[in-house]
Amino acid sequence: MDAIEALKTRRSVRAFQPKPVPKELLEALVDCGRLAASARNAQVWEFIVVTGEEGRRRIAGATNHGKFIAEAGACIAVFCKTSDYCVEDGCAATQNILVAARALGLGSCWVAGDRKPYADMIRQILGAPEECRLISLIAIGYAAQSPSPAKRPLADVLHWERF
């Protein structure tokens, strides 16, 4: 699948088949994340891939809206060392992973992390150092659904020169 097709067809998947995701695919996803744009090329991100059932259940249980992480084949936690642009950098890496997942035939869903009440608990569960900030949790797996929510038309969101 080409990049434009992956971008145009990516959707958030919250129901997964009970099937493990091969390590090679998870490594490919993190590789795409690490190649994201980064302010001043600081590359402040760190990625923790959780495939074990107990770890995914603990993460899911700590979140407000990520209970489906327990049923996904894996969860990728995106952390960034504290810096002026850590949120932007971590979000760029997260988006790369989401699009790459679609291109590889996987479903994914971004679960918020930054400034959420559970962020520190997730950091502790995963053993990340205190100077690392949780940016996102990404559920990854083989989709058990094909969501297709309507998207706003281009004409409704595109403005030329001024709003």
Protein backbone atom coordinates (compact mmCIF):
# COMPACT_ATOMS: atom_id res chain seq x y z
CA MET A 1 0.00 0.00 0.00
CA ASP A 2 1.40 3.40 -0.87
CA ALA A 3 1.72 6.22 1.68
CA ILE A 4 -1.21 8.29 0.39
CA GLU A 5 -3.54 5.28 0.48
CA ALA A 6 -2.41 4.42 4.02
CA LEU A 7 -3.02 8.01 5.15
CA LYS A 8 -6.45 8.17 3.53
CA THR A 9 -7.68 4.81 4.84
CA ARG A 10 -6.24 4.74 8.38
CA ARG A 11 -8.94 4.57 11.05
CA SER A 12 -8.94 3.95 14.80
CA VAL A 13 -9.54 0.28 15.56
CA ARG A 14 -10.80 -0.69 19.01
CA ALA A 15 -11.61 -4.38 18.46
CA PHE A 16 -8.89 -6.88 17.71
CA GLN A 17 -8.60 -10.53 16.74
CA PRO A 18 -6.95 -12.74 19.38
CA LYS A 19 -3.79 -13.10 17.31
CA PRO A 20 -0.22 -12.10 18.17
CA VAL A 21 1.62 -9.52 16.09
CA PRO A 22 4.98 -10.78 14.80
CA LYS A 23 8.04 -9.19 16.37
CA GLU A 24 9.34 -8.16 12.92
CA LEU A 25 6.21 -6.06 12.31
CA LEU A 26 6.45 -4.41 15.72
CA GLU A 27 10.10 -3.57 15.08
CA ALA A 28 9.14 -2.12 11.68
CA LEU A 29 6.52 0.08 13.36
CA VAL A 30 8.96 1.42 15.95
CA ASP A 31 11.50 1.96 13.20
CA CYS A 32 8.96 4.18 11.41
CA GLY A 33 8.31 6.01 14.68
CA ARG A 34 11.99 6.74 15.26
CA LEU A 35 12.26 8.21 11.76
CA ALA A 36 9.63 10.90 12.44
CA ALA A 37 10.32 14.60 12.22
CA SER A 38 11.93 15.93 15.39
CA ALA A 39 12.55 19.52 16.50
CA ARG A 40 16.25 20.30 16.10
CA ASN A 41 16.67 16.57 15.34
CA ALA A 42 16.69 15.95 19.10
CA GLN A 43 15.04 12.50 18.75
CA VAL A 44 13.95 12.49 22.39
CA TRP A 45 11.64 9.49 22.03
CA GLU A 46 11.77 6.07 23.63
CA PHE A 47 9.43 3.22 22.73
CA ILE A 48 8.29 0.34 24.91
CA VAL A 49 6.54 -2.54 23.16
CA VAL A 50 4.31 -4.62 25.41
CA THR A 51 3.12 -7.96 24.03
CA GLY A 52 2.54 -9.89 27.25
CA GLU A 53 -1.08 -10.32 28.29
CA GLU A 54 -0.51 -9.27 31.90
CA GLY A 55 1.31 -6.08 30.89
CA ARG A 56 -1.39 -5.13 28.39
CA ARG A 57 -4.09 -5.75 31.02
CA ARG A 58 -2.30 -3.55 33.57
CA ILE A 59 -1.94 -0.74 31.05
CA ALA A 60 -5.56 -1.07 29.91
CA GLY A 61 -6.78 -1.06 33.51
CA ALA A 62 -4.95 2.17 34.26
CA THR A 63 -6.45 4.13 31.35
CA ASN A 64 -9.76 5.97 31.06
CA HIS A 65 -10.54 5.09 27.45
CA GLY A 66 -8.08 2.36 26.49
CA LYS A 67 -9.61 -0.80 27.92
CA PHE A 68 -9.33 -2.45 24.47
CA ILE A 69 -5.51 -2.42 24.83
CA ALA A 70 -5.94 -5.64 26.81
CA GLU A 71 -7.35 -7.37 23.70
CA ALA A 72 -4.83 -5.97 21.19
CA GLY A 73 -1.85 -8.04 20.10
CA ALA A 74 0.51 -5.37 21.41
CA CYS A 75 0.75 -1.92 22.89
CA ILE A 76 3.45 0.55 21.98
CA ALA A 77 4.06 3.19 24.63
CA VAL A 78 5.67 6.35 23.27
CA PHE A 79 7.71 8.28 25.83
CA CYS A 80 9.83 11.37 25.31
CA LYS A 81 12.56 12.83 27.47
CA THR A 82 11.38 16.21 28.72
CA SER A 83 12.29 18.96 26.26
CA ASP A 84 10.76 22.08 24.71
CA TYR A 85 9.15 20.06 21.90
CA CYS A 86 8.72 16.61 23.41
CA VAL A 87 4.95 16.54 22.86
CA GLU A 88 5.25 17.54 19.20
CA ASP A 89 8.07 15.06 18.60
CA GLY A 90 6.23 12.22 20.34
CA CYS A 91 3.03 12.96 18.42
CA ALA A 92 4.93 12.90 15.12
CA ALA A 93 6.38 9.50 16.03
CA THR A 94 2.93 8.27 17.07
CA GLN A 95 1.35 9.32 13.78
CA ASN A 96 4.13 7.58 11.83
CA ILE A 97 3.40 4.37 13.72
CA LEU A 98 -0.35 4.63 13.08
CA VAL A 99 0.10 5.09 9.34
CA ALA A 100 2.76 2.37 9.15
CA ALA A 101 0.41 -0.03 10.95
CA ARG A 102 -2.24 0.56 8.29
CA ALA A 103 0.32 0.05 5.51
CA LEU A 104 1.32 -3.29 7.08
CA GLY A 105 -2.29 -4.50 7.34
CA LEU A 106 -2.62 -3.90 11.07
CA GLY A 107 -5.25 -2.02 13.05
CA SER A 108 -4.26 0.60 15.60
CA CYS A 109 -5.67 3.18 17.98
CA TRP A 110 -4.00 6.14 19.68
CA VAL A 111 -4.79 6.38 23.38
CA ALA A 112 -3.86 9.68 25.00
CA GLY A 113 -1.06 9.78 27.52
CA ASP A 114 0.34 13.25 28.00
CA ARG A 115 -1.10 15.03 31.04
CA LYS A 116 -3.56 12.22 31.75
CA PRO A 117 -4.03 11.24 35.41
CA TYR A 118 -2.71 7.75 34.67
CA ALA A 119 0.47 8.85 32.85
CA ASP A 120 2.74 8.48 35.89
CA MET A 121 1.24 5.08 36.73
CA ILE A 122 1.95 3.84 33.19
CA ARG A 123 5.50 5.19 33.45
CA GLN A 124 5.97 3.23 36.69
CA ILE A 125 4.34 0.04 35.34
CA LEU A 126 6.73 0.11 32.39
CA GLY A 127 9.80 1.17 34.38
CA ALA A 128 10.45 4.32 32.36
CA PRO A 129 12.76 6.88 34.01
CA GLU A 130 11.23 9.95 35.66
CA GLU A 131 12.63 12.28 32.99
CA CYS A 132 10.47 10.50 30.41
CA ARG A 133 6.97 11.73 29.68
CA LEU A 134 4.24 9.41 28.40
CA ILE A 135 3.04 10.86 25.11
CA SER A 136 0.80 8.08 23.83
CA LEU A 137 -0.23 4.47 24.05
CA ILE A 138 -0.89 2.73 20.75
CA ALA A 139 -2.99 -0.42 20.58
CA ILE A 140 -1.75 -2.60 17.70
CA GLY A 141 -3.22 -5.79 16.30
CA TYR A 142 -5.24 -7.48 13.62
CA ALA A 143 -8.54 -5.66 13.29
CA ALA A 144 -11.77 -7.44 14.21
CA GLN A 145 -13.72 -4.53 12.71
CA SER A 146 -13.39 -2.11 9.82
CA PRO A 147 -14.55 1.25 11.13
CA SER A 148 -15.29 3.90 8.54
CA PRO A 149 -16.55 7.03 10.28
CA ALA A 150 -17.35 9.94 8.02
CA LYS A 151 -14.63 12.53 7.62
CA ARG A 152 -15.29 16.21 7.01
CA PRO A 153 -14.98 17.10 3.32
CA LEU A 154 -11.88 18.96 2.17
CA ALA A 155 -14.00 21.94 1.11
CA ASP A 156 -15.22 22.31 4.71
CA VAL A 157 -11.76 22.48 6.25
CA LEU A 158 -9.54 24.12 3.62
CA HIS A 159 -9.11 27.89 3.67
CA TRP A 160 -6.90 29.89 1.31
CA GLU A 161 -4.99 32.93 2.52
CA ARG A 162 -7.37 33.61 5.47
CA PHE A 163 -10.02 31.77 7.46
